[in-house]
Amino acid sequence: MINVWDILKDSFLDTLNLLPFLFVAYLILEFVEHKSQKKITKIIQKSNKFGPLVGSVCGLFPHCGFSAIAASFYSTRVITIGTLFAVFLATSDEMVAIFLSEGVSLEFVVEVLSIKFICAVVVGFLLDAIFKKKQQNLKIKEFCNCSNCHCGENILYSAIEHTMKISFWILIVTFIFGSLVEGIGEEKISQILSDNFIFSKFIVTAIGLIPNCASSVILSKLYLSGAISVSSLIAGLLAVSGVGLVVLFKMNKNVKENLKITGTLYCIGVILGFVLELILHS
């Protein structure tokens, strides 16, 4: 039976942990909007040459806060599509903490993170090369209008207002997906994967897309129990973006683009999962 109060408590704590990251992100966006936007825009566009590399490094930190920041920045076009994917692909959320607490060797953890980092950097720069001709204009004012915010001269107040609105949305979505995962159960998921070995890459990558820290927890425990292989683990972890997708769908009003990003993230996880399977068993 689903324990609603435990799920609500976990959802609240997860959301609470994100508040500092979201606040910093919106504080930066408000500063860019109110202070010398043209000058800052030029600096941002020049620095985005190295965006995927920086994004991949930030994504490696065991916290989904950076994916939330990346989604916020991409929605307002502060960063490129390549940088967004770099952060998403490098994010591992709770995986590092779980593996280390279960006595998994540091060498293996570093290997997994290294593979994710390489994939993130390569895909990030590749996407930026493909879409380099696409004009990148800041959309911070557009976001404020869509959010019905009262963005004035008080940058601090505006940042707090944005943070609270997005945090409430994250709390609701996290609770919903947390309830679904609790309802299905890890044992049931493990059984499904055992019975469908051929399709395991498709299943684990779908699990990775769950906008909740539960996705990385489930994937880590499935690997530790022997239910999935290393390649399946990485396939799922490549799709893990924490609450990044939640923030993206809330902030970026182009639903079609959001669906394309989600679909591409899924395809990358599945394809690279099969590639790794061939490499590891060749």
C-alpha atoms as a PDB file:
ATOM      1  CA  MET A   1       0.000   0.000   0.000  1.00  0.00           C
ATOM      2  CA  ILE A   2       1.257   3.455  -0.930  1.00  0.00           C
ATOM      3  CA  ASN A   3       2.298   5.609   2.015  1.00  0.00           C
ATOM      4  CA  VAL A   4       1.127   9.030   0.834  1.00  0.00           C
ATOM      5  CA  TRP A   5       2.658  10.952   3.728  1.00  0.00           C
ATOM      6  CA  ASP A   6       6.128   9.445   3.209  1.00  0.00           C
ATOM      7  CA  ILE A   7       6.009  10.242  -0.502  1.00  0.00           C
ATOM      8  CA  LEU A   8       4.836  13.791   0.236  1.00  0.00           C
ATOM      9  CA  LYS A   9       7.618  14.256   2.802  1.00  0.00           C
ATOM     10  CA  ASP A  10      10.269  12.968   0.382  1.00  0.00           C
ATOM     11  CA  SER A  11       8.889  15.175  -2.391  1.00  0.00           C
ATOM     12  CA  PHE A  12       8.970  18.206  -0.112  1.00  0.00           C
ATOM     13  CA  LEU A  13      12.575  17.511   0.972  1.00  0.00           C
ATOM     14  CA  ASP A  14      13.693  16.967  -2.632  1.00  0.00           C
ATOM     15  CA  THR A  15      12.103  20.258  -3.646  1.00  0.00           C
ATOM     16  CA  LEU A  16      13.595  22.041  -0.635  1.00  0.00           C
ATOM     17  CA  ASN A  17      17.089  20.903  -1.666  1.00  0.00           C
ATOM     18  CA  LEU A  18      16.572  22.537  -5.057  1.00  0.00           C
ATOM     19  CA  LEU A  19      15.588  25.968  -3.734  1.00  0.00           C
ATOM     20  CA  PRO A  20      19.143  27.400  -3.489  1.00  0.00           C
ATOM     21  CA  PHE A  21      19.948  26.320  -7.066  1.00  0.00           C
ATOM     22  CA  LEU A  22      16.708  27.705  -8.482  1.00  0.00           C
ATOM     23  CA  PHE A  23      17.074  30.965  -6.577  1.00  0.00           C
ATOM     24  CA  VAL A  24      20.618  31.510  -7.864  1.00  0.00           C
ATOM     25  CA  ALA A  25      19.494  30.739 -11.424  1.00  0.00           C
ATOM     26  CA  TYR A  26      16.614  33.231 -11.349  1.00  0.00           C
ATOM     27  CA  LEU A  27      18.719  35.842  -9.575  1.00  0.00           C
ATOM     28  CA  ILE A  28      21.192  35.648 -12.464  1.00  0.00           C
ATOM     29  CA  LEU A  29      18.383  35.840 -15.025  1.00  0.00           C
ATOM     30  CA  GLU A  30      16.894  38.881 -13.312  1.00  0.00           C
ATOM     31  CA  PHE A  31      20.295  40.570 -13.242  1.00  0.00           C
ATOM     32  CA  VAL A  32      20.787  39.930 -16.968  1.00  0.00           C
ATOM     33  CA  GLU A  33      17.305  41.311 -17.682  1.00  0.00           C
ATOM     34  CA  HIS A  34      17.779  44.529 -15.716  1.00  0.00           C
ATOM     35  CA  LYS A  35      21.488  45.294 -16.093  1.00  0.00           C
ATOM     36  CA  SER A  36      23.172  45.993 -19.444  1.00  0.00           C
ATOM     37  CA  GLN A  37      21.421  43.191 -21.327  1.00  0.00           C
ATOM     38  CA  LYS A  38      23.114  43.863 -24.697  1.00  0.00           C
ATOM     39  CA  LYS A  39      26.604  43.762 -23.230  1.00  0.00           C
ATOM     40  CA  ILE A  40      25.892  40.643 -21.190  1.00  0.00           C
ATOM     41  CA  THR A  41      24.300  38.951 -24.215  1.00  0.00           C
ATOM     42  CA  LYS A  42      27.520  39.366 -26.205  1.00  0.00           C
ATOM     43  CA  ILE A  43      29.552  37.880 -23.347  1.00  0.00           C
ATOM     44  CA  ILE A  44      27.161  34.926 -23.066  1.00  0.00           C
ATOM     45  CA  GLN A  45      27.246  34.193 -26.787  1.00  0.00           C
ATOM     46  CA  LYS A  46      31.058  34.212 -26.816  1.00  0.00           C
ATOM     47  CA  SER A  47      31.352  32.004 -23.735  1.00  0.00           C
ATOM     48  CA  ASN A  48      28.880  29.479 -25.171  1.00  0.00           C
ATOM     49  CA  LYS A  49      31.683  28.148 -27.388  1.00  0.00           C
ATOM     50  CA  PHE A  50      32.805  26.167 -24.354  1.00  0.00           C
ATOM     51  CA  GLY A  51      29.287  25.675 -22.959  1.00  0.00           C
ATOM     52  CA  PRO A  52      29.053  21.883 -23.484  1.00  0.00           C
ATOM     53  CA  LEU A  53      32.379  21.327 -21.727  1.00  0.00           C
ATOM     54  CA  VAL A  54      31.404  23.472 -18.736  1.00  0.00           C
ATOM     55  CA  GLY A  55      27.936  21.911 -18.696  1.00  0.00           C
ATOM     56  CA  SER A  56      29.360  18.389 -18.671  1.00  0.00           C
ATOM     57  CA  VAL A  57      31.566  19.223 -15.669  1.00  0.00           C
ATOM     58  CA  CYS A  58      28.649  20.781 -13.760  1.00  0.00           C
ATOM     59  CA  GLY A  59      26.432  17.788 -14.524  1.00  0.00           C
ATOM     60  CA  LEU A  60      28.918  15.420 -12.904  1.00  0.00           C
ATOM     61  CA  PHE A  61      28.234  16.880  -9.455  1.00  0.00           C
ATOM     62  CA  PRO A  62      25.841  14.483  -7.645  1.00  0.00           C
ATOM     63  CA  HIS A  63      22.896  16.855  -7.494  1.00  0.00           C
ATOM     64  CA  CYS A  64      20.043  17.514  -9.917  1.00  0.00           C
ATOM     65  CA  GLY A  65      20.144  21.235  -9.116  1.00  0.00           C
ATOM     66  CA  PHE A  66      22.429  21.905 -12.074  1.00  0.00           C
ATOM     67  CA  SER A  67      19.963  20.298 -14.487  1.00  0.00           C
ATOM     68  CA  ALA A  68      17.264  22.626 -13.141  1.00  0.00           C
ATOM     69  CA  ILE A  69      19.553  25.609 -13.682  1.00  0.00           C
ATOM     70  CA  ALA A  70      20.392  24.407 -17.211  1.00  0.00           C
ATOM     71  CA  ALA A  71      16.695  24.049 -18.077  1.00  0.00           C
ATOM     72  CA  SER A  72      16.014  27.554 -16.759  1.00  0.00           C
ATOM     73  CA  PHE A  73      18.921  29.041 -18.688  1.00  0.00           C
ATOM     74  CA  TYR A  74      18.019  27.258 -21.924  1.00  0.00           C
ATOM     75  CA  SER A  75      14.365  28.300 -21.674  1.00  0.00           C
ATOM     76  CA  THR A  76      15.521  31.912 -21.625  1.00  0.00           C
ATOM     77  CA  ARG A  77      18.281  31.155 -24.182  1.00  0.00           C
ATOM     78  CA  VAL A  78      21.150  32.034 -21.880  1.00  0.00           C
ATOM     79  CA  ILE A  79      22.789  28.723 -22.895  1.00  0.00           C
ATOM     80  CA  THR A  80      22.709  26.668 -26.091  1.00  0.00           C
ATOM     81  CA  ILE A  81      20.927  23.401 -26.826  1.00  0.00           C
ATOM     82  CA  GLY A  82      24.297  21.626 -26.730  1.00  0.00           C
ATOM     83  CA  THR A  83      25.029  22.872 -23.223  1.00  0.00           C
ATOM     84  CA  LEU A  84      21.565  21.807 -22.064  1.00  0.00           C
ATOM     85  CA  PHE A  85      22.112  18.259 -23.330  1.00  0.00           C
ATOM     86  CA  ALA A  86      25.634  18.190 -21.898  1.00  0.00           C
ATOM     87  CA  VAL A  87      24.280  18.898 -18.409  1.00  0.00           C
ATOM     88  CA  PHE A  88      21.394  16.433 -18.790  1.00  0.00           C
ATOM     89  CA  LEU A  89      23.606  13.598 -20.080  1.00  0.00           C
ATOM     90  CA  ALA A  90      26.270  14.115 -17.411  1.00  0.00           C
ATOM     91  CA  THR A  91      23.777  14.256 -14.515  1.00  0.00           C
ATOM     92  CA  SER A  92      23.706  11.134 -12.336  1.00  0.00           C
ATOM     93  CA  ASP A  93      21.759  12.474  -9.333  1.00  0.00           C
ATOM     94  CA  GLU A  94      21.835   9.904  -6.477  1.00  0.00           C
ATOM     95  CA  MET A  95      23.924   7.242  -8.239  1.00  0.00           C
ATOM     96  CA  VAL A  96      27.290   8.244  -6.752  1.00  0.00           C
ATOM     97  CA  ALA A  97      26.005   8.364  -3.167  1.00  0.00           C
ATOM     98  CA  ILE A  98      24.246   4.991  -3.455  1.00  0.00           C
ATOM     99  CA  PHE A  99      27.193   3.207  -5.034  1.00  0.00           C
ATOM    100  CA  LEU A 100      29.697   4.522  -2.495  1.00  0.00           C
ATOM    101  CA  SER A 101      27.391   3.695   0.424  1.00  0.00           C
ATOM    102  CA  GLU A 102      27.002   0.137  -0.907  1.00  0.00           C
ATOM    103  CA  GLY A 103      30.756  -0.381  -1.099  1.00  0.00           C
ATOM    104  CA  VAL A 104      31.090  -0.158  -4.883  1.00  0.00           C
ATOM    105  CA  SER A 105      34.691   0.600  -5.833  1.00  0.00           C
ATOM    106  CA  LEU A 106      35.564   4.217  -6.484  1.00  0.00           C
ATOM    107  CA  GLU A 107      37.260   3.064  -9.695  1.00  0.00           C
ATOM    108  CA  PHE A 108      33.969   1.776 -11.115  1.00  0.00           C
ATOM    109  CA  VAL A 109      32.125   4.958 -10.137  1.00  0.00           C
ATOM    110  CA  VAL A 110      34.797   7.042 -11.873  1.00  0.00           C
ATOM    111  CA  GLU A 111      34.537   4.834 -14.992  1.00  0.00           C
ATOM    112  CA  VAL A 112      30.763   5.335 -15.190  1.00  0.00           C
ATOM    113  CA  LEU A 113      31.075   9.091 -14.688  1.00  0.00           C
ATOM    114  CA  SER A 114      33.878   9.253 -17.270  1.00  0.00           C
ATOM    115  CA  ILE A 115      31.741   7.519 -19.898  1.00  0.00           C
ATOM    116  CA  LYS A 116      28.836   9.862 -19.164  1.00  0.00           C
ATOM    117  CA  PHE A 117      31.173  12.870 -19.312  1.00  0.00           C
ATOM    118  CA  ILE A 118      32.607  11.858 -22.702  1.00  0.00           C
ATOM    119  CA  CYS A 119      29.122  11.222 -24.121  1.00  0.00           C
ATOM    120  CA  ALA A 120      27.914  14.579 -22.772  1.00  0.00           C
ATOM    121  CA  VAL A 121      30.818  16.552 -24.253  1.00  0.00           C
ATOM    122  CA  VAL A 122      30.636  14.864 -27.674  1.00  0.00           C
ATOM    123  CA  VAL A 123      26.850  15.163 -28.011  1.00  0.00           C
ATOM    124  CA  GLY A 124      26.871  18.716 -26.659  1.00  0.00           C
ATOM    125  CA  PHE A 125      29.429  20.032 -29.148  1.00  0.00           C
ATOM    126  CA  LEU A 126      27.827  18.045 -31.969  1.00  0.00           C
ATOM    127  CA  LEU A 127      24.403  19.591 -31.339  1.00  0.00           C
ATOM    128  CA  ASP A 128      25.879  23.081 -31.136  1.00  0.00           C
ATOM    129  CA  ALA A 129      27.674  22.489 -34.445  1.00  0.00           C
ATOM    130  CA  ILE A 130      24.424  21.362 -36.073  1.00  0.00           C
ATOM    131  CA  PHE A 131      22.344  24.266 -34.731  1.00  0.00           C
ATOM    132  CA  LYS A 132      25.047  26.967 -34.737  1.00  0.00           C
ATOM    133  CA  LYS A 133      23.184  29.008 -37.367  1.00  0.00           C
ATOM    134  CA  LYS A 134      20.071  29.161 -35.226  1.00  0.00           C
ATOM    135  CA  GLN A 135      19.835  32.655 -33.779  1.00  0.00           C
ATOM    136  CA  GLN A 136      19.957  32.828 -29.998  1.00  0.00           C
ATOM    137  CA  ASN A 137      18.071  35.721 -28.469  1.00  0.00           C
ATOM    138  CA  LEU A 138      17.451  36.085 -24.758  1.00  0.00           C
ATOM    139  CA  LYS A 139      13.831  35.407 -23.795  1.00  0.00           C
ATOM    140  CA  ILE A 140      13.860  36.436 -20.138  1.00  0.00           C
ATOM    141  CA  LYS A 141      11.225  39.148 -20.588  1.00  0.00           C
ATOM    142  CA  GLU A 142       9.040  36.704 -22.526  1.00  0.00           C
ATOM    143  CA  PHE A 143       9.302  34.206 -19.655  1.00  0.00           C
ATOM    144  CA  CYS A 144       8.266  36.848 -17.128  1.00  0.00           C
ATOM    145  CA  ASN A 145       5.216  37.753 -19.224  1.00  0.00           C
ATOM    146  CA  CYS A 146       4.164  34.120 -19.586  1.00  0.00           C
ATOM    147  CA  SER A 147       4.606  33.500 -15.862  1.00  0.00           C
ATOM    148  CA  ASN A 148       2.489  36.541 -14.954  1.00  0.00           C
ATOM    149  CA  CYS A 149       5.268  37.761 -12.687  1.00  0.00           C
ATOM    150  CA  HIS A 150       5.591  41.271 -11.325  1.00  0.00           C
ATOM    151  CA  CYS A 151       9.195  41.771 -12.359  1.00  0.00           C
ATOM    152  CA  GLY A 152      10.160  45.288 -11.530  1.00  0.00           C
ATOM    153  CA  GLU A 153      13.288  46.954 -10.274  1.00  0.00           C
ATOM    154  CA  ASN A 154      13.443  44.697  -7.216  1.00  0.00           C
ATOM    155  CA  ILE A 155      15.619  41.888  -8.583  1.00  0.00           C
ATOM    156  CA  LEU A 156      15.632  39.967  -5.297  1.00  0.00           C
ATOM    157  CA  TYR A 157      11.824  39.919  -5.006  1.00  0.00           C
ATOM    158  CA  SER A 158      11.426  38.839  -8.631  1.00  0.00           C
ATOM    159  CA  ALA A 159      13.922  35.984  -8.186  1.00  0.00           C
ATOM    160  CA  ILE A 160      12.082  34.758  -5.073  1.00  0.00           C
ATOM    161  CA  GLU A 161       8.740  34.918  -6.899  1.00  0.00           C
ATOM    162  CA  HIS A 162      10.047  32.836  -9.816  1.00  0.00           C
ATOM    163  CA  THR A 163      11.657  30.345  -7.432  1.00  0.00           C
ATOM    164  CA  MET A 164       8.453  29.792  -5.445  1.00  0.00           C
ATOM    165  CA  LYS A 165       6.315  29.311  -8.551  1.00  0.00           C
ATOM    166  CA  ILE A 166       8.646  26.780 -10.156  1.00  0.00           C
ATOM    167  CA  SER A 167       9.228  25.001  -6.825  1.00  0.00           C
ATOM    168  CA  PHE A 168       5.503  24.466  -6.332  1.00  0.00           C
ATOM    169  CA  TRP A 169       5.261  22.907  -9.792  1.00  0.00           C
ATOM    170  CA  ILE A 170       8.264  20.657  -9.071  1.00  0.00           C
ATOM    171  CA  LEU A 171       6.699  19.536  -5.774  1.00  0.00           C
ATOM    172  CA  ILE A 172       3.461  18.486  -7.504  1.00  0.00           C
ATOM    173  CA  VAL A 173       5.183  16.595 -10.333  1.00  0.00           C
ATOM    174  CA  THR A 174       7.671  14.944  -7.972  1.00  0.00           C
ATOM    175  CA  PHE A 175       4.830  13.724  -5.768  1.00  0.00           C
ATOM    176  CA  ILE A 176       2.908  12.316  -8.747  1.00  0.00           C
ATOM    177  CA  PHE A 177       5.870  10.389 -10.165  1.00  0.00           C
ATOM    178  CA  GLY A 178       6.975   9.314  -6.700  1.00  0.00           C
ATOM    179  CA  SER A 179       3.531   7.790  -6.146  1.00  0.00           C
ATOM    180  CA  LEU A 180       3.686   5.976  -9.497  1.00  0.00           C
ATOM    181  CA  VAL A 181       7.106   4.491  -8.748  1.00  0.00           C
ATOM    182  CA  GLU A 182       6.002   3.467  -5.240  1.00  0.00           C
ATOM    183  CA  GLY A 183       2.858   1.915  -6.668  1.00  0.00           C
ATOM    184  CA  ILE A 184       4.720  -0.203  -9.211  1.00  0.00           C
ATOM    185  CA  GLY A 185       7.529  -1.231  -6.841  1.00  0.00           C
ATOM    186  CA  GLU A 186      11.209  -1.962  -7.490  1.00  0.00           C
ATOM    187  CA  GLU A 187      10.663  -5.742  -7.373  1.00  0.00           C
ATOM    188  CA  LYS A 188       8.062  -5.541 -10.136  1.00  0.00           C
ATOM    189  CA  ILE A 189      10.363  -3.381 -12.262  1.00  0.00           C
ATOM    190  CA  SER A 190      13.236  -5.834 -11.714  1.00  0.00           C
ATOM    191  CA  GLN A 191      10.992  -8.711 -12.787  1.00  0.00           C
ATOM    192  CA  ILE A 192       9.911  -6.883 -15.935  1.00  0.00           C
ATOM    193  CA  LEU A 193      13.551  -6.275 -16.891  1.00  0.00           C
ATOM    194  CA  SER A 194      14.493  -9.900 -16.231  1.00  0.00           C
ATOM    195  CA  ASP A 195      11.653 -11.123 -18.452  1.00  0.00           C
ATOM    196  CA  ASN A 196      12.454  -8.652 -21.238  1.00  0.00           C
ATOM    197  CA  PHE A 197      16.237  -8.707 -21.557  1.00  0.00           C
ATOM    198  CA  ILE A 198      16.210  -7.696 -25.242  1.00  0.00           C
ATOM    199  CA  PHE A 199      14.116  -4.612 -24.502  1.00  0.00           C
ATOM    200  CA  SER A 200      15.890  -3.731 -21.255  1.00  0.00           C
ATOM    201  CA  LYS A 201      17.706  -0.738 -22.828  1.00  0.00           C
ATOM    202  CA  PHE A 202      14.385   0.779 -23.847  1.00  0.00           C
ATOM    203  CA  ILE A 203      12.907   0.186 -20.392  1.00  0.00           C
ATOM    204  CA  VAL A 204      15.820   1.483 -18.291  1.00  0.00           C
ATOM    205  CA  THR A 205      16.141   4.594 -20.450  1.00  0.00           C
ATOM    206  CA  ALA A 206      12.441   5.278 -19.914  1.00  0.00           C
ATOM    207  CA  ILE A 207      13.038   4.898 -16.171  1.00  0.00           C
ATOM    208  CA  GLY A 208      15.862   7.427 -16.452  1.00  0.00           C
ATOM    209  CA  LEU A 209      13.462  10.012 -17.846  1.00  0.00           C
ATOM    210  CA  ILE A 210      11.377   9.973 -14.659  1.00  0.00           C
ATOM    211  CA  PRO A 211      11.747  13.570 -13.357  1.00  0.00           C
ATOM    212  CA  ASN A 212      12.565  12.496  -9.841  1.00  0.00           C
ATOM    213  CA  CYS A 213      15.619  11.304  -7.904  1.00  0.00           C
ATOM    214  CA  ALA A 214      13.823   7.929  -7.764  1.00  0.00           C
ATOM    215  CA  SER A 215      15.018   7.197 -11.309  1.00  0.00           C
ATOM    216  CA  SER A 216      18.724   7.164 -10.411  1.00  0.00           C
ATOM    217  CA  VAL A 217      17.962   5.295  -7.171  1.00  0.00           C
ATOM    218  CA  ILE A 218      16.053   2.564  -9.028  1.00  0.00           C
ATOM    219  CA  LEU A 219      18.712   2.222 -11.732  1.00  0.00           C
ATOM    220  CA  SER A 220      21.502   1.990  -9.148  1.00  0.00           C
ATOM    221  CA  LYS A 221      19.684  -0.639  -7.085  1.00  0.00           C
ATOM    222  CA  LEU A 222      18.766  -2.650 -10.187  1.00  0.00           C
ATOM    223  CA  TYR A 223      22.427  -2.806 -11.158  1.00  0.00           C
ATOM    224  CA  LEU A 224      23.523  -3.715  -7.634  1.00  0.00           C
ATOM    225  CA  SER A 225      20.984  -6.550  -7.568  1.00  0.00           C
ATOM    226  CA  GLY A 226      22.253  -7.867 -10.903  1.00  0.00           C
ATOM    227  CA  ALA A 227      19.011  -7.167 -12.747  1.00  0.00           C
ATOM    228  CA  ILE A 228      20.691  -4.983 -15.387  1.00  0.00           C
ATOM    229  CA  SER A 229      24.106  -4.839 -17.044  1.00  0.00           C
ATOM    230  CA  VAL A 230      26.645  -1.995 -16.996  1.00  0.00           C
ATOM    231  CA  SER A 231      25.555  -0.863 -20.464  1.00  0.00           C
ATOM    232  CA  SER A 232      21.901  -0.780 -19.372  1.00  0.00           C
ATOM    233  CA  LEU A 233      22.854   1.147 -16.237  1.00  0.00           C
ATOM    234  CA  ILE A 234      24.644   3.806 -18.298  1.00  0.00           C
ATOM    235  CA  ALA A 235      21.824   3.913 -20.867  1.00  0.00           C
ATOM    236  CA  GLY A 236      19.406   4.759 -18.082  1.00  0.00           C
ATOM    237  CA  LEU A 237      21.762   7.199 -16.363  1.00  0.00           C
ATOM    238  CA  LEU A 238      22.311   9.110 -19.612  1.00  0.00           C
ATOM    239  CA  ALA A 239      18.584   9.911 -19.620  1.00  0.00           C
ATOM    240  CA  VAL A 240      18.612  10.967 -15.961  1.00  0.00           C
ATOM    241  CA  SER A 241      18.164  14.724 -15.684  1.00  0.00           C
ATOM    242  CA  GLY A 242      16.613  14.996 -12.233  1.00  0.00           C
ATOM    243  CA  VAL A 243      13.916  17.652 -12.315  1.00  0.00           C
ATOM    244  CA  GLY A 244      15.480  19.305 -15.366  1.00  0.00           C
ATOM    245  CA  LEU A 245      12.677  18.180 -17.659  1.00  0.00           C
ATOM    246  CA  VAL A 246      10.040  19.424 -15.209  1.00  0.00           C
ATOM    247  CA  VAL A 247      11.587  22.894 -15.197  1.00  0.00           C
ATOM    248  CA  LEU A 248      11.965  22.804 -18.981  1.00  0.00           C
ATOM    249  CA  PHE A 249       8.295  21.986 -19.594  1.00  0.00           C
ATOM    250  CA  LYS A 250       7.222  24.644 -17.098  1.00  0.00           C
ATOM    251  CA  MET A 251       9.486  27.454 -18.327  1.00  0.00           C
ATOM    252  CA  ASN A 252       9.831  26.785 -22.042  1.00  0.00           C
ATOM    253  CA  LYS A 253       6.443  27.421 -23.625  1.00  0.00           C
ATOM    254  CA  ASN A 254       7.390  25.625 -26.868  1.00  0.00           C
ATOM    255  CA  VAL A 255       5.867  22.233 -26.021  1.00  0.00           C
ATOM    256  CA  LYS A 256       6.870  20.749 -29.384  1.00  0.00           C
ATOM    257  CA  GLU A 257      10.499  21.635 -28.737  1.00  0.00           C
ATOM    258  CA  ASN A 258      10.313  20.176 -25.217  1.00  0.00           C
ATOM    259  CA  LEU A 259       8.986  16.901 -26.593  1.00  0.00           C
ATOM    260  CA  LYS A 260      11.767  16.805 -29.188  1.00  0.00           C
ATOM    261  CA  ILE A 261      14.372  17.357 -26.459  1.00  0.00           C
ATOM    262  CA  THR A 262      12.857  14.584 -24.333  1.00  0.00           C
ATOM    263  CA  GLY A 263      12.655  12.214 -27.303  1.00  0.00           C
ATOM    264  CA  THR A 264      16.227  12.965 -28.346  1.00  0.00           C
ATOM    265  CA  LEU A 265      17.469  12.402 -24.799  1.00  0.00           C
ATOM    266  CA  TYR A 266      15.692   9.040 -24.778  1.00  0.00           C
ATOM    267  CA  CYS A 267      17.087   8.005 -28.163  1.00  0.00           C
ATOM    268  CA  ILE A 268      20.629   8.976 -27.153  1.00  0.00           C
ATOM    269  CA  GLY A 269      20.377   6.823 -24.025  1.00  0.00           C
ATOM    270  CA  VAL A 270      19.061   3.791 -25.932  1.00  0.00           C
ATOM    271  CA  ILE A 271      21.528   4.071 -28.840  1.00  0.00           C
ATOM    272  CA  LEU A 272      24.604   4.624 -26.671  1.00  0.00           C
ATOM    273  CA  GLY A 273      23.432   1.814 -24.403  1.00  0.00           C
ATOM    274  CA  PHE A 274      23.493  -0.625 -27.333  1.00  0.00           C
ATOM    275  CA  VAL A 275      26.841   0.763 -28.528  1.00  0.00           C
ATOM    276  CA  LEU A 276      28.345   0.187 -25.090  1.00  0.00           C
ATOM    277  CA  GLU A 277      26.864  -3.320 -25.030  1.00  0.00           C
ATOM    278  CA  LEU A 278      28.704  -4.132 -28.267  1.00  0.00           C
ATOM    279  CA  ILE A 279      31.967  -2.566 -27.035  1.00  0.00           C
ATOM    280  CA  LEU A 280      31.931  -4.294 -23.643  1.00  0.00           C
ATOM    281  CA  HIS A 281      31.123  -7.704 -25.144  1.00  0.00           C
ATOM    282  CA  SER A 282      33.314  -7.530 -28.218  1.00  0.00           C
END
